[in-house]
C-alpha atoms as a PDB file:
ATOM      1  CA  MET A   1     -15.113  15.676  10.015  1.00  0.00           C
ATOM      2  CA  GLU A   2     -15.190  15.214   6.251  1.00  0.00           C
ATOM      3  CA  ASN A   3     -11.776  16.842   6.001  1.00  0.00           C
ATOM      4  CA  LEU A   4     -10.293  14.168   8.281  1.00  0.00           C
ATOM      5  CA  ASP A   5     -11.924  11.425   6.181  1.00  0.00           C
ATOM      6  CA  THR A   6     -10.375  12.898   3.044  1.00  0.00           C
ATOM      7  CA  ILE A   7      -6.948  13.044   4.658  1.00  0.00           C
ATOM      8  CA  VAL A   8      -7.159   9.398   5.764  1.00  0.00           C
ATOM      9  CA  THR A   9      -8.317   8.362   2.297  1.00  0.00           C
ATOM     10  CA  VAL A  10      -5.431  10.194   0.608  1.00  0.00           C
ATOM     11  CA  ILE A  11      -2.999   8.540   3.027  1.00  0.00           C
ATOM     12  CA  GLY A  12      -4.508   5.182   2.010  1.00  0.00           C
ATOM     13  CA  ILE A  13      -3.924   5.992  -1.649  1.00  0.00           C
ATOM     14  CA  ILE A  14      -0.310   6.961  -0.969  1.00  0.00           C
ATOM     15  CA  TYR A  15       0.283   3.778   1.040  1.00  0.00           C
ATOM     16  CA  GLY A  16      -1.254   1.650  -1.703  1.00  0.00           C
ATOM     17  CA  VAL A  17       1.018   3.261  -4.283  1.00  0.00           C
ATOM     18  CA  LEU A  18       4.028   2.654  -2.013  1.00  0.00           C
ATOM     19  CA  LEU A  19       3.079  -1.017  -1.763  1.00  0.00           C
ATOM     20  CA  VAL A  20       2.804  -1.318  -5.531  1.00  0.00           C
ATOM     21  CA  LEU A  21       6.214   0.324  -5.879  1.00  0.00           C
ATOM     22  CA  ALA A  22       7.630  -2.056  -3.251  1.00  0.00           C
ATOM     23  CA  ALA A  23       6.825  -4.946  -5.578  1.00  0.00           C
ATOM     24  CA  PHE A  24       9.144  -3.528  -8.245  1.00  0.00           C
ATOM     25  CA  ILE A  25      11.562  -1.005  -6.715  1.00  0.00           C
ATOM     26  CA  ARG A  26      14.018  -1.687  -3.918  1.00  0.00           C
ATOM     27  CA  THR A  27      14.763   1.461  -1.916  1.00  0.00           C
ATOM     28  CA  LYS A  28      14.924   2.132   1.808  1.00  0.00           C
ATOM     29  CA  LEU A  29      11.487   3.760   1.723  1.00  0.00           C
ATOM     30  CA  THR A  30       9.696   0.958  -0.111  1.00  0.00           C
ATOM     31  CA  GLU A  31      11.426  -1.758   1.910  1.00  0.00           C
ATOM     32  CA  ALA A  32      10.188  -0.145   5.132  1.00  0.00           C
ATOM     33  CA  PHE A  33       6.551  -0.382   4.021  1.00  0.00           C
ATOM     34  CA  ARG A  34       6.525  -3.940   2.672  1.00  0.00           C
ATOM     35  CA  ILE A  35       3.555  -5.960   3.945  1.00  0.00           C
ATOM     36  CA  ASP A  36       5.285  -9.307   3.509  1.00  0.00           C
ATOM     37  CA  ALA A  37       8.212  -8.132   5.647  1.00  0.00           C
ATOM     38  CA  LEU A  38       5.814  -7.090   8.415  1.00  0.00           C
ATOM     39  CA  PHE A  39       3.717 -10.260   8.629  1.00  0.00           C
ATOM     40  CA  MET A  40       5.749 -13.164   7.269  1.00  0.00           C
ATOM     41  CA  PRO A  41       8.529 -14.784   9.276  1.00  0.00           C
ATOM     42  CA  LYS A  42      10.942 -15.047   6.317  1.00  0.00           C
ATOM     43  CA  PRO A  43      10.159 -12.534   3.572  1.00  0.00           C
ATOM     44  CA  SER A  44      11.910 -13.140   0.280  1.00  0.00           C
ATOM     45  CA  GLU A  45      11.701 -12.295  -3.392  1.00  0.00           C
ATOM     46  CA  ALA A  46       9.007 -14.957  -3.750  1.00  0.00           C
ATOM     47  CA  THR A  47       6.739 -13.111  -1.287  1.00  0.00           C
ATOM     48  CA  ARG A  48       7.331  -9.652  -2.822  1.00  0.00           C
ATOM     49  CA  PRO A  49       4.331  -9.902  -5.264  1.00  0.00           C
ATOM     50  CA  LEU A  50       2.028  -9.938  -2.233  1.00  0.00           C
ATOM     51  CA  ASN A  51       2.750  -6.207  -1.928  1.00  0.00           C
ATOM     52  CA  LEU A  52       1.447  -5.647  -5.444  1.00  0.00           C
ATOM     53  CA  VAL A  53      -1.860  -7.366  -4.744  1.00  0.00           C
ATOM     54  CA  ILE A  54      -2.434  -5.674  -1.397  1.00  0.00           C
ATOM     55  CA  GLY A  55      -1.285  -2.307  -2.771  1.00  0.00           C
ATOM     56  CA  ILE A  56      -3.797  -2.474  -5.610  1.00  0.00           C
ATOM     57  CA  LEU A  57      -6.552  -3.393  -3.155  1.00  0.00           C
ATOM     58  CA  VAL A  58      -5.702  -0.601  -0.696  1.00  0.00           C
ATOM     59  CA  ALA A  59      -5.244   2.090  -3.350  1.00  0.00           C
ATOM     60  CA  GLY A  60      -8.308   0.937  -5.282  1.00  0.00           C
ATOM     61  CA  TYR A  61     -10.551   0.972  -2.236  1.00  0.00           C
ATOM     62  CA  SER A  62      -9.233   4.381  -1.191  1.00  0.00           C
ATOM     63  CA  ILE A  63      -9.816   5.833  -4.645  1.00  0.00           C
ATOM     64  CA  TYR A  64     -13.316   4.330  -4.672  1.00  0.00           C
ATOM     65  CA  SER A  65     -14.033   5.876  -1.257  1.00  0.00           C
ATOM     66  CA  LEU A  66     -12.751   9.241  -2.383  1.00  0.00           C
ATOM     67  CA  LEU A  67     -14.898   9.242  -5.533  1.00  0.00           C
ATOM     68  CA  LYS A  68     -17.987   7.816  -3.848  1.00  0.00           C
ATOM     69  CA  GLY A  69     -18.081  10.132  -0.881  1.00  0.00           C
END
């Protein structure tokens, strides 16, 4: 079961990094994972920094979980 937890944690780190990249880089991959595009009715350049904040939180928590456990 620990192996599955590690896999999920690594996926969380990768997703967090993708969100951080989505705040700065505009490619098909990063645009598909944008949080603001998923939850806001009209995403724009003004809502793009939300991905940076959420990406840092997701990646940071995943790294913390990986190091703690």
